[in-house]
Protein backbone atom coordinates (compact mmCIF):
# COMPACT_ATOMS: atom_id res chain seq x y z
CA MET A 1 0.78 7.04 18.19
CA ALA A 2 0.37 8.26 14.63
CA LEU A 3 1.14 5.78 11.83
CA THR A 4 1.72 7.07 8.32
CA GLY A 5 -0.02 5.49 5.40
CA ILE A 6 2.16 4.50 2.47
CA LEU A 7 0.31 3.83 -0.81
CA LEU A 8 2.49 1.98 -3.38
CA ALA A 9 1.47 3.15 -6.84
CA ALA A 10 4.66 2.94 -8.85
CA GLY A 11 4.29 -0.45 -10.54
CA ARG A 12 3.89 -0.89 -14.29
CA GLY A 13 0.87 -3.31 -14.05
CA ARG A 14 2.20 -5.55 -16.91
CA ARG A 15 -0.16 -8.42 -15.95
CA PHE A 16 -3.04 -6.04 -16.58
CA ASP A 17 -1.79 -4.84 -19.97
CA PRO A 18 1.50 -6.25 -21.11
CA SER A 19 1.76 -3.55 -23.84
CA GLY A 20 1.79 -0.87 -21.14
CA VAL A 21 -0.81 1.24 -22.87
CA GLN A 22 -3.56 1.02 -20.12
CA ASN A 23 -2.59 2.08 -16.62
CA LYS A 24 -4.58 -0.28 -14.41
CA LEU A 25 -4.62 2.30 -11.60
CA LEU A 26 -6.68 4.69 -13.82
CA GLN A 27 -9.25 2.01 -14.86
CA THR A 28 -12.76 2.48 -13.60
CA LEU A 29 -14.37 0.18 -11.05
CA ALA A 30 -18.05 -0.78 -11.11
CA ASN A 31 -18.85 2.13 -8.78
CA GLY A 32 -17.41 4.66 -11.26
CA GLU A 33 -14.16 5.41 -9.32
CA THR A 34 -10.69 4.74 -10.53
CA VAL A 35 -8.69 1.89 -8.88
CA ILE A 36 -6.14 4.36 -7.38
CA ALA A 37 -8.76 6.89 -6.23
CA ALA A 38 -10.65 4.18 -4.34
CA SER A 39 -7.43 2.84 -2.80
CA ALA A 40 -6.36 6.37 -1.73
CA LYS A 41 -9.75 7.37 -0.35
CA ASN A 42 -9.96 4.27 1.81
CA MET A 43 -6.54 4.82 3.25
CA LEU A 44 -7.22 8.59 3.77
CA ALA A 45 -10.41 7.75 5.64
CA ALA A 46 -8.30 5.69 8.11
CA LEU A 47 -5.13 7.76 8.51
CA PRO A 48 -4.35 11.46 8.81
CA ARG A 49 -1.24 11.22 6.65
CA VAL A 50 -0.79 9.16 3.48
CA LEU A 51 2.20 9.25 1.30
CA ALA A 52 1.72 7.77 -2.24
CA VAL A 53 4.70 6.66 -4.30
CA VAL A 54 4.43 6.86 -8.11
CA ARG A 55 6.73 6.09 -10.98
CA PRO A 56 8.39 8.86 -13.05
CA GLY A 57 6.14 10.23 -15.85
CA ASP A 58 2.98 8.91 -14.17
CA ASP A 59 1.59 12.49 -13.99
CA LYS A 60 -2.03 11.56 -14.10
CA VAL A 61 -1.85 9.26 -11.15
CA ALA A 62 0.32 11.75 -9.21
CA ALA A 63 -2.10 14.62 -9.85
CA LEU A 64 -5.09 12.57 -8.84
CA LEU A 65 -3.53 11.36 -5.65
CA GLY A 66 -2.44 14.92 -4.79
CA SER A 67 -5.96 16.28 -5.40
CA LEU A 68 -7.34 13.68 -3.05
CA GLY A 69 -5.05 14.73 -0.21
CA CYS A 70 -2.08 12.39 -0.47
CA GLU A 71 1.46 13.56 -0.31
CA VAL A 72 3.11 12.29 -3.53
CA ARG A 73 6.69 11.20 -4.09
CA VAL A 74 8.21 10.04 -7.37
CA CYS A 75 10.39 7.03 -7.06
CA ALA A 76 13.13 7.55 -9.71
CA ASP A 77 14.10 3.86 -9.61
CA ALA A 78 10.63 2.30 -9.41
CA ASP A 79 11.46 -0.22 -12.16
CA LEU A 80 14.01 -1.87 -9.74
CA GLY A 81 11.03 -3.31 -7.80
CA MET A 82 8.57 -2.71 -5.16
CA ALA A 83 11.25 -2.48 -2.43
CA GLU A 84 12.65 0.61 -4.14
CA SER A 85 9.30 2.36 -3.87
CA LEU A 86 8.85 1.24 -0.31
CA THR A 87 12.29 2.36 0.84
CA THR A 88 11.71 5.68 -0.88
CA ALA A 89 8.54 6.18 1.19
CA ILE A 90 10.08 4.96 4.44
CA GLU A 91 13.10 7.18 3.99
CA PHE A 92 10.84 10.23 3.40
CA THR A 93 8.67 9.44 6.39
CA ARG A 94 11.59 8.23 8.60
CA GLY A 95 10.28 10.05 11.74
CA ALA A 96 6.88 8.20 11.72
CA GLU A 97 6.03 5.98 14.67
CA GLY A 98 4.99 3.24 12.15
CA TRP A 99 3.54 2.72 8.71
CA LEU A 100 0.55 1.04 7.13
CA ILE A 101 1.70 -0.15 3.78
CA GLY A 102 -0.93 -0.55 1.16
CA LEU A 103 -1.01 -1.30 -2.54
CA GLY A 104 -2.54 1.01 -5.09
CA ASP A 105 -4.24 -1.86 -6.85
CA MET A 106 -6.20 -2.96 -3.83
CA PRO A 107 -9.23 -0.57 -3.87
CA HIS A 108 -11.58 -2.74 -1.91
CA VAL A 109 -9.78 -2.75 1.51
CA GLN A 110 -12.10 -1.15 3.99
CA PRO A 111 -11.07 1.77 6.24
CA ASP A 112 -12.15 -0.18 9.33
CA THR A 113 -9.65 -2.89 8.49
CA MET A 114 -6.90 -0.34 8.22
CA ARG A 115 -7.90 1.15 11.54
CA ALA A 116 -7.84 -2.33 13.19
CA LEU A 117 -4.26 -2.87 11.90
CA VAL A 118 -3.16 0.57 13.18
CA ALA A 119 -4.81 -0.18 16.56
CA THR A 120 -2.88 -3.42 16.81
CA ILE A 121 0.43 -1.59 16.42
CA GLU A 122 -0.73 1.17 18.85
CA ARG A 123 -1.24 -1.70 21.40
CA GLY A 124 2.35 -2.77 21.05
CA ALA A 125 2.58 -5.21 18.14
CA ARG A 126 5.53 -4.68 15.79
CA ILE A 127 3.80 -6.05 12.72
CA ALA A 128 0.08 -6.48 11.99
CA ALA A 129 -1.37 -8.16 8.97
CA PRO A 130 -4.98 -8.87 8.03
CA VAL A 131 -6.37 -12.41 7.67
CA TYR A 132 -9.48 -13.17 5.70
CA GLU A 133 -10.86 -16.80 5.82
CA GLY A 134 -7.37 -18.05 6.73
CA ARG A 135 -5.53 -16.09 4.03
CA ARG A 136 -3.14 -13.33 4.96
CA GLY A 137 -3.52 -10.19 2.92
CA ASN A 138 -2.65 -6.55 2.64
CA PRO A 139 -2.19 -3.76 3.82
CA VAL A 140 0.35 -4.60 6.51
CA ALA A 141 1.28 -2.31 9.42
CA PHE A 142 4.78 -1.98 10.88
CA SER A 143 5.99 -0.19 13.98
CA ALA A 144 9.06 1.93 13.78
CA TYR A 145 10.96 -0.90 15.42
CA HIS A 146 11.45 -2.37 12.00
CA LEU A 147 12.80 0.79 10.37
CA PRO A 148 16.27 -0.60 9.64
CA LEU A 149 14.90 -3.77 8.04
CA LEU A 150 12.43 -1.74 5.93
CA LEU A 151 15.14 0.51 4.67
CA ALA A 152 17.35 -2.44 3.79
CA LEU A 153 14.74 -4.04 1.47
CA GLU A 154 15.66 -4.76 -2.19
CA GLY A 155 13.99 -6.30 -5.18
CA ASP A 156 10.33 -6.92 -6.01
CA GLN A 157 9.26 -8.83 -2.94
CA GLY A 158 8.40 -5.71 -0.84
CA ALA A 159 8.42 -6.53 2.87
CA ARG A 160 7.59 -10.28 2.48
CA ALA A 161 10.95 -11.38 3.88
CA ILE A 162 10.37 -9.40 7.05
CA LEU A 163 7.02 -11.04 7.52
CA LYS A 164 8.47 -14.46 7.06
CA SER A 165 11.23 -13.96 9.64
CA HIS A 166 9.46 -11.99 12.38
CA ALA A 167 6.41 -12.31 14.60
CA VAL A 168 3.27 -11.04 12.92
CA SER A 169 0.14 -10.18 14.86
CA GLU A 170 -2.65 -11.46 12.64
CA VAL A 171 -5.88 -9.51 12.71
CA VAL A 172 -8.91 -11.59 11.53
CA VAL A 173 -11.10 -9.39 9.38
CA ASP A 174 -14.41 -9.88 7.48
CA ASP A 175 -13.02 -7.92 4.49
CA VAL A 176 -12.42 -9.74 1.25
CA GLY A 177 -10.69 -6.60 0.04
CA VAL A 178 -7.47 -7.65 1.80
CA ILE A 179 -6.95 -10.50 -0.67
CA ARG A 180 -8.52 -8.90 -3.74
CA ASP A 181 -6.28 -6.90 -6.00
CA ILE A 182 -6.70 -5.75 -9.62
CA ASP A 183 -4.23 -7.77 -11.79
CA THR A 184 -6.24 -8.29 -15.00
CA PRO A 185 -9.14 -6.43 -16.66
CA GLY A 186 -11.50 -9.17 -15.43
CA ASP A 187 -10.68 -8.17 -11.80
CA LEU A 188 -12.37 -4.74 -12.30
């Protein structure tokens, strides 16, 4: 079974910089990599195919992701919410056997964690989510069974409603990256 990675990178990052001048995905981490490059490299290390979704006009992020080996799609209606970006990616990769859905502002998730989530789907789970010290995090893997529900998503909650209403196989991990995102400059 081959799952497709989806890297959501179409948000505006208003909590990071309310003025919109600084793109948080292009900020540099302590190791010298940009947030989005680290997120993409980790996912690419775990999956053979990664589709990244960016917002219109975010040419720097799109070019960087493309140069790293991601397929890149622009979500024309990204400002309508995360669900719009997610449905754009799911529609484009409709033939996949499942998806690992990650967030561009979570650069610390380890490839081994992603592999464990994929393996859980390959063993028959329909949804797999990581849990670190009792807290559920991201990325989340879905089997193709949930294609109709994923395509029906709306708003800015992403797939949260699906997780609340369906069985989730929790994968306990020793990876704080699954609960650590970049929301403010202090998070860098």
